[in-house]
Protein backbone atom coordinates (compact mmCIF):
# COMPACT_ATOMS: atom_id res chain seq x y z
CA MET A 1 51.50 134.65 67.35
CA THR A 2 54.76 135.38 65.55
CA MET A 3 57.12 138.26 66.26
CA ARG A 4 56.86 141.45 64.21
CA ASP A 5 59.40 141.28 61.35
CA LEU A 6 61.90 139.24 63.37
CA THR A 7 63.16 136.50 61.07
CA PRO A 8 66.35 134.42 61.16
CA GLU A 9 67.62 136.54 58.26
CA ALA A 10 67.00 139.71 60.32
CA VAL A 11 68.95 138.20 63.23
CA LEU A 12 71.82 137.43 60.85
CA ALA A 13 71.76 140.97 59.43
CA VAL A 14 71.73 142.63 62.86
CA THR A 15 74.47 140.47 64.36
CA GLY A 16 76.72 140.06 61.32
CA GLY A 17 77.23 136.44 62.29
CA GLU A 18 78.22 133.34 60.32
CA THR A 19 75.72 130.64 59.43
CA HIS A 20 75.72 126.87 59.58
CA GLY A 21 72.79 125.32 57.74
CA ALA A 22 70.10 127.07 55.72
CA LEU A 23 68.14 129.70 57.61
CA PRO A 24 64.38 129.07 57.46
CA ALA A 25 62.00 131.72 56.15
CA GLY A 26 59.25 133.36 58.16
CA GLU A 27 58.98 135.24 61.43
CA LEU A 28 60.19 133.68 64.66
CA THR A 29 57.64 132.66 67.29
CA ALA A 30 59.75 133.61 70.31
CA VAL A 31 63.29 134.09 71.64
CA THR A 32 64.55 132.14 74.64
CA THR A 33 67.75 131.38 76.53
CA ASP A 34 66.13 128.59 78.56
CA SER A 35 66.09 125.13 76.96
CA ARG A 36 62.98 124.27 79.00
CA THR A 37 60.93 126.92 77.17
CA ILE A 38 61.99 126.10 73.61
CA GLU A 39 59.00 126.00 71.28
CA PRO A 40 58.58 125.31 67.55
CA GLY A 41 59.75 128.21 65.41
CA CYS A 42 61.70 130.04 68.13
CA LEU A 43 65.25 131.37 68.33
CA PHE A 44 67.32 129.65 71.00
CA ALA A 45 70.24 131.75 72.28
CA ALA A 46 72.93 129.42 73.62
CA ILE A 47 74.60 131.27 76.49
CA ALA A 48 77.54 129.81 78.38
CA GLY A 49 76.75 130.54 82.03
CA ALA A 50 78.33 129.68 85.35
CA ARG A 51 76.04 126.71 85.94
CA ALA A 52 75.24 125.49 82.44
CA ASP A 53 76.32 126.01 78.84
CA GLY A 54 73.47 126.56 76.42
CA HIS A 55 75.51 124.93 73.67
CA ASP A 56 74.93 121.61 75.41
CA PHE A 57 71.22 121.99 74.66
CA ILE A 58 71.38 122.85 70.96
CA ARG A 59 70.50 119.28 69.94
CA GLN A 60 67.53 119.45 72.28
CA ALA A 61 66.54 122.74 70.63
CA ALA A 62 66.59 121.00 67.26
CA GLU A 63 64.42 118.17 68.58
CA LYS A 64 61.89 120.64 69.96
CA GLY A 65 61.60 122.44 66.63
CA ALA A 66 63.60 125.63 67.15
CA ALA A 67 63.88 127.62 63.91
CA CYS A 68 67.51 128.54 64.55
CA VAL A 69 70.15 128.96 67.21
CA LEU A 70 72.34 131.93 68.17
CA CYS A 71 75.66 130.54 69.39
CA SER A 72 79.36 131.24 69.83
CA ARG A 73 80.42 127.88 68.37
CA PHE A 74 78.77 125.53 65.92
CA VAL A 75 77.40 122.23 67.18
CA ASP A 76 76.66 119.13 65.13
CA ALA A 77 72.86 119.32 65.24
CA PRO A 78 70.10 119.46 62.59
CA VAL A 79 69.18 123.11 63.16
CA ALA A 80 70.26 126.35 61.51
CA GLN A 81 72.88 128.19 63.57
CA ILE A 82 74.17 131.77 63.63
CA ARG A 83 77.62 132.07 65.20
CA VAL A 84 78.69 135.32 66.86
CA PRO A 85 81.66 136.19 69.13
CA ASP A 86 79.47 137.24 72.07
CA VAL A 87 75.96 135.80 72.35
CA PRO A 88 74.66 138.15 75.11
CA ALA A 89 75.91 141.19 73.19
CA ALA A 90 74.32 139.91 69.99
CA LEU A 91 71.07 139.30 71.85
CA ARG A 92 71.10 142.90 73.10
CA ALA A 93 71.64 144.16 69.55
CA VAL A 94 68.72 142.13 68.25
CA ALA A 95 66.52 143.27 71.14
CA ALA A 96 67.33 146.92 70.39
CA TRP A 97 66.43 146.34 66.72
CA TYR A 98 63.19 144.60 67.68
CA ARG A 99 62.16 147.35 70.08
CA GLY A 100 62.46 149.75 67.15
CA ARG A 101 59.63 147.94 65.38
CA PHE A 102 57.14 149.33 67.94
CA ALA A 103 55.97 152.95 67.98
CA ILE A 104 54.34 152.73 71.41
CA PRO A 105 55.17 154.46 74.72
CA PHE A 106 58.05 152.78 76.54
CA ILE A 107 58.44 153.44 80.26
CA GLY A 108 61.76 152.61 81.93
CA VAL A 109 61.76 152.10 85.71
CA THR A 110 64.88 152.20 87.89
CA GLY A 111 66.00 153.12 91.40
CA SER A 112 67.58 151.58 94.49
CA VAL A 113 64.35 150.28 95.98
CA GLY A 114 60.78 149.68 94.87
CA LYS A 115 61.43 149.06 91.17
CA THR A 116 59.24 145.98 90.91
CA THR A 117 56.42 147.55 92.93
CA ALA A 118 56.57 150.67 90.77
CA LYS A 119 56.64 148.62 87.57
CA GLU A 120 53.61 146.63 88.66
CA MET A 121 51.69 149.75 89.68
CA ILE A 122 52.51 151.66 86.50
CA ALA A 123 51.46 148.67 84.41
CA ALA A 124 48.24 148.35 86.40
CA VAL A 125 47.40 152.01 85.83
CA LEU A 126 48.21 151.91 82.12
CA GLY A 127 46.26 148.67 81.87
CA ALA A 128 43.09 150.66 82.52
CA ARG A 129 43.39 151.89 78.91
CA PHE A 130 46.26 150.15 77.12
CA ASP A 131 47.26 146.56 76.45
CA THR A 132 50.50 146.82 78.40
CA LEU A 133 53.62 144.65 78.35
CA LYS A 134 55.55 144.57 81.62
CA THR A 135 58.72 142.94 82.91
CA GLU A 136 58.03 139.53 84.41
CA LYS A 137 59.83 137.87 87.32
CA ASN A 138 63.26 139.44 87.88
CA PHE A 139 64.07 139.92 84.18
CA ASN A 140 65.52 143.40 84.72
CA ASN A 141 69.21 142.93 83.84
CA GLU A 142 71.29 142.59 80.68
CA LEU A 143 69.89 139.13 79.97
CA GLY A 144 66.38 139.75 81.27
CA VAL A 145 65.64 143.05 79.50
CA PRO A 146 66.16 141.58 76.00
CA LEU A 147 63.82 138.71 76.87
CA THR A 148 61.24 141.25 78.06
CA LEU A 149 61.46 143.17 74.80
CA PHE A 150 61.17 139.96 72.78
CA ARG A 151 57.73 139.41 74.34
CA LEU A 152 56.37 142.44 72.47
CA ARG A 153 53.56 141.53 70.06
CA GLU A 154 51.19 143.34 67.70
CA GLU A 155 48.53 143.85 70.37
CA HIS A 156 50.74 145.78 72.80
CA GLN A 157 50.03 149.50 73.16
CA ALA A 158 52.55 150.35 75.91
CA ALA A 159 55.53 148.73 77.63
CA VAL A 160 56.83 149.09 81.20
CA VAL A 161 60.38 147.81 81.55
CA GLU A 162 62.19 147.46 84.88
CA MET A 163 65.93 148.11 84.71
CA GLY A 164 68.22 146.98 87.52
CA ILE A 165 71.97 147.48 87.71
CA SER A 166 74.87 147.01 90.10
CA GLY A 167 77.70 148.75 88.24
CA PHE A 168 78.60 151.65 85.97
CA GLY A 169 77.89 151.20 82.26
CA GLU A 170 75.13 148.63 82.72
CA MET A 171 72.33 151.18 82.50
CA THR A 172 73.80 152.57 79.29
CA ARG A 173 73.52 149.11 77.73
CA LEU A 174 69.98 148.62 79.08
CA THR A 175 68.68 152.00 77.98
CA GLY A 176 70.28 151.48 74.57
CA MET A 177 67.81 148.63 74.11
CA VAL A 178 64.73 150.08 75.81
CA ARG A 179 65.06 153.73 74.70
CA PRO A 180 62.31 154.84 77.11
CA ASP A 181 60.03 157.76 76.33
CA ILE A 182 59.38 158.14 80.07
CA GLY A 183 62.06 157.39 82.67
CA VAL A 184 60.92 156.74 86.25
CA TYR A 185 63.24 157.00 89.28
CA THR A 186 61.86 155.48 92.49
CA LEU A 187 64.54 156.45 95.04
CA ILE A 188 68.31 156.65 95.37
CA GLY A 189 69.36 154.62 98.39
CA ASP A 190 72.16 152.57 99.93
CA ALA A 191 72.22 149.69 97.45
CA HIS A 192 75.14 148.12 95.57
CA LEU A 193 77.54 150.47 97.34
CA GLU A 194 80.22 147.79 97.05
CA PHE A 195 80.32 148.60 93.33
CA LEU A 196 78.98 152.17 93.15
CA GLY A 197 80.69 153.75 96.17
CA ASP A 198 78.05 156.08 97.59
CA ARG A 199 74.61 157.51 96.86
CA PRO A 200 75.90 160.08 94.34
CA GLY A 201 77.61 157.15 92.63
CA VAL A 202 74.31 155.27 92.57
CA LEU A 203 72.66 158.29 90.96
CA ARG A 204 75.42 158.62 88.36
CA ALA A 205 75.04 154.96 87.39
CA LYS A 206 71.25 155.03 87.24
CA GLY A 207 71.30 158.47 85.62
CA GLU A 208 72.73 156.80 82.53
CA MET A 209 69.14 155.97 81.58
CA VAL A 210 68.82 159.45 80.09
CA ARG A 211 71.41 158.56 77.43
CA GLY A 212 68.89 156.34 75.67
CA MET A 213 65.96 158.72 75.93
CA PRO A 214 64.76 161.09 73.19
CA GLU A 215 65.21 164.84 73.68
CA ASP A 216 61.47 165.23 74.33
CA GLY A 217 61.45 162.37 76.83
CA VAL A 218 60.09 162.91 80.33
CA ILE A 219 61.69 162.07 83.69
CA ILE A 220 59.42 161.21 86.61
CA ALA A 221 61.44 161.36 89.84
CA ASN A 222 60.87 161.13 93.57
CA GLY A 223 60.78 164.73 94.76
CA ASP A 224 61.14 163.67 98.40
CA ASP A 225 64.61 162.31 97.61
CA PRO A 226 67.07 165.25 97.89
CA LEU A 227 69.45 163.78 95.29
CA LEU A 228 66.73 163.27 92.70
CA ARG A 229 65.02 166.57 93.51
CA GLU A 230 68.19 168.60 92.84
CA HIS A 231 69.52 166.58 89.91
CA ASP A 232 69.44 168.06 86.39
CA PHE A 233 68.45 165.20 84.09
CA GLY A 234 68.54 167.35 80.97
CA ARG A 235 64.92 166.37 80.27
CA ARG A 236 61.56 167.74 81.34
CA THR A 237 61.16 166.47 84.90
CA VAL A 238 58.01 165.79 86.90
CA LEU A 239 58.48 165.34 90.66
CA PHE A 240 56.20 163.12 92.73
CA GLY A 241 56.03 162.73 96.50
CA LEU A 242 54.42 164.05 99.65
CA GLY A 243 56.13 167.45 99.65
CA GLU A 244 54.29 170.55 98.44
CA HIS A 245 57.05 171.18 95.88
CA CYS A 246 56.01 168.00 94.01
CA THR A 247 53.92 168.30 90.84
CA VAL A 248 52.12 165.05 91.61
CA ARG A 249 51.66 164.57 95.35
CA ALA A 250 49.62 162.63 97.88
CA VAL A 251 47.58 163.99 100.77
CA ASP A 252 45.25 162.38 103.32
CA VAL A 253 47.40 159.24 103.49
CA SER A 254 45.98 156.53 105.75
CA ALA A 255 46.01 152.79 106.26
CA ASP A 256 42.76 150.98 105.47
CA GLY A 257 43.28 148.19 107.97
CA ALA A 258 46.19 145.90 107.11
CA GLU A 259 44.90 145.23 103.63
CA ALA A 260 45.08 148.60 101.88
CA MET A 261 46.23 152.21 101.83
CA ARG A 262 44.23 155.29 100.87
CA CYS A 263 45.26 158.74 99.71
CA THR A 264 44.23 161.57 97.43
CA ILE A 265 46.53 162.34 94.50
CA LEU A 266 46.84 166.02 93.59
CA ALA A 267 48.07 167.19 90.18
CA GLY A 268 47.33 170.79 89.33
CA ASP A 269 43.58 171.20 89.82
CA ARG A 270 42.98 167.45 89.63
CA ARG A 271 42.12 165.51 92.80
CA ILE A 272 42.09 161.72 92.47
CA PRO A 273 41.05 159.68 95.54
CA VAL A 274 42.58 156.19 95.32
CA ARG A 275 42.51 152.96 97.28
CA ILE A 276 45.63 150.82 96.99
CA PRO A 277 44.79 147.13 97.64
CA ALA A 278 48.07 146.39 99.43
CA PHE A 279 49.82 147.45 102.62
CA GLY A 280 52.75 149.79 103.23
CA GLU A 281 53.64 153.46 103.00
CA HIS A 282 55.82 152.76 99.96
CA LEU A 283 52.64 151.84 98.04
CA VAL A 284 51.59 155.49 98.17
CA TYR A 285 54.75 156.41 96.25
CA ALA A 286 54.06 153.63 93.77
CA ALA A 287 50.55 154.99 93.22
CA LEU A 288 52.04 158.45 92.62
CA MET A 289 54.39 157.01 89.99
CA GLY A 290 51.52 155.22 88.31
CA ALA A 291 49.43 158.37 88.33
CA ALA A 292 52.28 160.54 87.04
CA VAL A 293 52.86 158.21 84.08
CA GLY A 294 49.14 157.95 83.45
CA LEU A 295 48.79 161.73 83.42
CA GLN A 296 51.61 162.01 80.86
CA LEU A 297 49.80 159.55 78.61
CA GLY A 298 46.39 161.22 78.89
CA LEU A 299 44.53 158.89 81.23
CA THR A 300 41.42 160.17 82.98
CA ASP A 301 41.03 160.42 86.75
CA GLU A 302 38.67 157.43 86.67
CA GLU A 303 41.16 155.34 84.70
CA ILE A 304 43.98 156.20 87.10
CA ALA A 305 41.90 155.33 90.18
CA ARG A 306 40.71 152.09 88.56
CA GLY A 307 44.26 151.17 87.59
CA VAL A 308 45.60 151.79 91.11
CA ALA A 309 42.79 149.63 92.51
CA ALA A 310 43.84 146.81 90.15
CA TYR A 311 47.39 146.61 91.56
CA GLU A 312 48.50 143.21 92.83
CA THR A 313 51.43 142.50 95.16
CA VAL A 314 54.22 140.34 93.71
CA GLY A 315 55.93 137.71 95.88
CA SER A 316 57.40 138.56 99.27
CA ARG A 317 57.20 142.32 98.90
CA GLY A 318 55.19 143.84 101.73
CA ARG A 319 52.78 140.90 101.92
CA VAL A 320 50.66 140.91 105.09
CA ILE A 321 49.90 137.44 106.46
CA ARG A 322 47.46 136.94 109.36
CA THR A 323 48.00 133.54 110.95
CA GLY A 324 45.42 133.87 113.71
CA CYS A 325 48.31 134.02 116.14
CA ILE A 326 50.55 136.80 114.80
CA THR A 327 50.60 139.22 111.88
CA ILE A 328 53.55 138.87 109.50
CA LEU A 329 54.81 141.64 107.25
CA ASP A 330 56.64 139.46 104.73
CA ASP A 331 59.16 141.64 102.90
CA CYS A 332 61.99 139.12 102.64
CA TYR A 333 62.52 139.36 98.87
CA ASN A 334 65.55 141.62 99.31
CA ALA A 335 66.92 144.35 101.55
CA ASN A 336 69.14 147.38 101.82
CA PRO A 337 69.17 150.08 104.53
CA THR A 338 66.73 152.33 102.67
CA SER A 339 64.14 149.67 101.95
CA THR A 340 64.47 148.24 105.46
CA ARG A 341 63.72 151.60 107.06
CA SER A 342 60.69 151.95 104.80
CA ALA A 343 59.46 148.51 105.85
CA ILE A 344 59.92 149.40 109.54
CA ASP A 345 57.82 152.53 108.96
CA SER A 346 55.11 150.37 107.39
CA LEU A 347 55.22 147.96 110.33
CA ALA A 348 54.16 150.84 112.58
CA HIS A 349 50.71 150.82 110.94
CA LEU A 350 50.00 147.27 112.14
CA ALA A 351 48.41 146.62 115.52
CA GLY A 352 50.34 144.71 118.16
CA ARG A 353 53.84 144.64 119.61
CA HIS A 354 56.26 145.45 116.79
CA VAL A 355 59.09 142.97 116.18
CA ALA A 356 61.67 143.34 113.39
CA VAL A 357 63.36 140.12 112.24
CA LEU A 358 66.26 141.38 110.12
CA GLY A 359 69.16 139.69 108.35
CA ASP A 360 72.32 140.62 106.50
CA MET A 361 72.08 143.36 103.87
CA ARG A 362 74.62 142.49 101.20
CA GLU A 363 76.75 144.50 98.71
CA LEU A 364 77.16 147.56 100.95
CA GLY A 365 80.94 147.78 100.63
CA PRO A 366 83.22 149.34 103.26
CA THR A 367 80.34 151.21 104.91
CA SER A 368 78.45 147.98 105.61
CA GLU A 369 79.09 147.89 109.36
CA ALA A 370 78.02 151.49 109.89
CA LEU A 371 74.92 151.08 107.72
CA HIS A 372 73.89 147.93 109.57
CA ALA A 373 74.41 149.66 112.92
CA GLY A 374 72.36 152.66 111.81
CA THR A 375 69.56 150.40 110.62
CA GLY A 376 69.60 148.61 113.98
CA ALA A 377 69.30 151.91 115.85
CA TYR A 378 66.41 152.95 113.59
CA ALA A 379 64.63 149.65 114.27
CA ALA A 380 65.19 149.89 118.03
CA ASP A 381 63.60 153.36 118.10
CA ARG A 382 60.42 151.99 116.51
CA CYS A 383 60.16 148.35 117.59
CA ALA A 384 59.85 146.53 120.90
CA LEU A 385 62.27 143.81 119.78
CA VAL A 386 64.90 143.49 117.05
CA VAL A 387 65.92 139.95 116.07
CA ALA A 388 69.07 139.99 113.92
CA CYS A 389 70.64 137.12 112.00
CA GLY A 390 73.88 136.75 110.04
CA GLN A 391 77.50 137.83 110.28
CA GLN A 392 76.91 141.34 108.95
CA ALA A 393 73.75 141.71 111.05
CA LYS A 394 75.86 141.48 114.21
CA ALA A 395 76.50 145.21 113.73
CA LEU A 396 72.74 145.69 113.31
CA ALA A 397 72.17 144.03 116.69
CA ASP A 398 74.89 146.19 118.23
CA GLY A 399 73.16 149.28 116.86
CA ALA A 400 69.84 148.18 118.35
CA GLY A 401 71.41 147.81 121.79
CA GLY A 402 69.42 146.20 124.58
CA LYS A 403 66.38 145.58 122.37
CA ALA A 404 68.29 143.17 120.12
CA VAL A 405 68.85 139.43 120.00
CA TRP A 406 71.42 138.09 117.53
CA PHE A 407 71.82 134.70 115.86
CA GLU A 408 74.59 133.57 113.56
CA ARG A 409 72.51 131.16 111.47
CA THR A 410 68.96 131.15 110.14
CA ASP A 411 68.15 127.73 111.64
CA GLU A 412 69.15 129.03 115.10
CA LEU A 413 66.89 132.04 114.60
CA ILE A 414 63.93 129.90 113.55
CA GLY A 415 64.40 127.60 116.54
CA ALA A 416 64.33 130.52 118.98
CA LEU A 417 61.35 132.42 117.56
CA PRO A 418 58.67 130.66 119.68
CA THR A 419 60.45 131.85 122.82
CA LEU A 420 60.84 135.42 121.54
CA LEU A 421 57.38 136.13 120.15
CA ARG A 422 54.00 136.65 121.77
CA ARG A 423 50.49 136.11 120.51
CA GLY A 424 49.29 139.28 118.78
CA ASP A 425 52.76 140.45 117.67
CA ALA A 426 53.27 142.20 114.34
CA VAL A 427 56.49 140.78 112.86
CA LEU A 428 58.54 142.21 109.97
CA VAL A 429 60.74 139.73 108.09
CA LYS A 430 63.43 141.31 105.89
CA ALA A 431 66.92 140.47 104.65
CA SER A 432 68.97 140.23 101.47
CA ARG A 433 67.83 137.45 99.18
CA ALA A 434 70.94 135.36 99.86
CA MET A 435 69.84 134.92 103.48
CA GLY A 436 66.92 132.71 102.43
CA PHE A 437 64.49 134.33 104.86
CA GLU A 438 61.57 132.71 103.05
CA ALA A 439 62.20 129.88 105.53
CA VAL A 440 61.65 132.33 108.40
CA THR A 441 58.31 133.44 106.97
CA GLN A 442 57.25 129.82 106.46
CA ALA A 443 58.15 128.96 110.05
CA LEU A 444 56.22 131.96 111.35
CA GLU A 445 53.14 130.95 109.35
CA LYS A 446 53.11 127.56 111.10
CA MET A 447 53.89 128.89 114.57
CA ILE A 448 51.42 128.37 117.40
CA LEU A 449 51.83 130.51 120.52
CA PRO A 450 50.01 130.31 123.83
């Protein structure tokens, strides 16, 4: 299926570029920056990255039948080309134009932790009524968001777009493309402090989302987060959480084994019992976000409950693995102090001796040592054993005191695990993505203990 009104001529008009070769007529089939996904009739955006230069693949794009190429320099190849000074900026401009072709609800999701979980839950809830586009993989930045928007097609009735940032000004550029009708804030935590300074700085950066919202847009924010609760977004704001001050709140929260969570969602005089088919206290907040968005868009109680029940966990985010020997809470996708504490709280719901296997938490700036130490102390209060790994995690081990064991390298950690763990343990695995803790989870899955 072709893209709505997006033709090579429209790309030229939006970008104000120069052409090489005659632009073909007709709507484009897709937009891609990855030479491996080029298809006949698509636009290939040649981006010069740190690892590869898209201009080296323009001839390949021609061979695969691309309709035209967006580039910063012309290449001798039999394909129409549109040259612009800055390809990523041009791609954002085209994405903003293309988003404007769709008069459907757009939901923007941001926050320090839980963005992907919230996006998946909101999309699952809206999917009970609407054909819903959602961000795939980790396409939540200045290159990923345009590619998400370019996946919009005639059949879509709603869009849920995750927006991740690490610096000031990025959210302004993202929201300029998405222009969300509903803006969702998961939590303001200790993430990207190296660039944003402190939590108020994080809120200022993420608060830029409002700049792209209409005056009648709605903010849905975590009312259990003091910064979000007190912040004036300049838009109608709906608070969700466990506190009685929240407009949409959860009561009767309980774990349904290690496979699910249950709660009742209250909103005015509405009571919606839900079962969340995944494990972790943070899933209750995700369900509240999904319900809050669903309520804004007129979904029934039955649709909201059915949508929550349709949620599926993505990757290594709170995945519970039972090996027959131990229980693993695999949350190694990424980590910061806020998300790590949440994961430790979730670990408490699993039976067995609680063991936290924790690695470096990156991009925390000058407060890194103190934040690692505080996280270690938090883990030691709630776990029988804290296993720390990495240079920055040395402070985490120090904070955990006598309950901690520290390793410098991941391979050393993996080699020692059989001597540290016992049959029946419940083991949390969490670290920043750069630590490669997927290898730890894989080793634990294969482990046999007496």
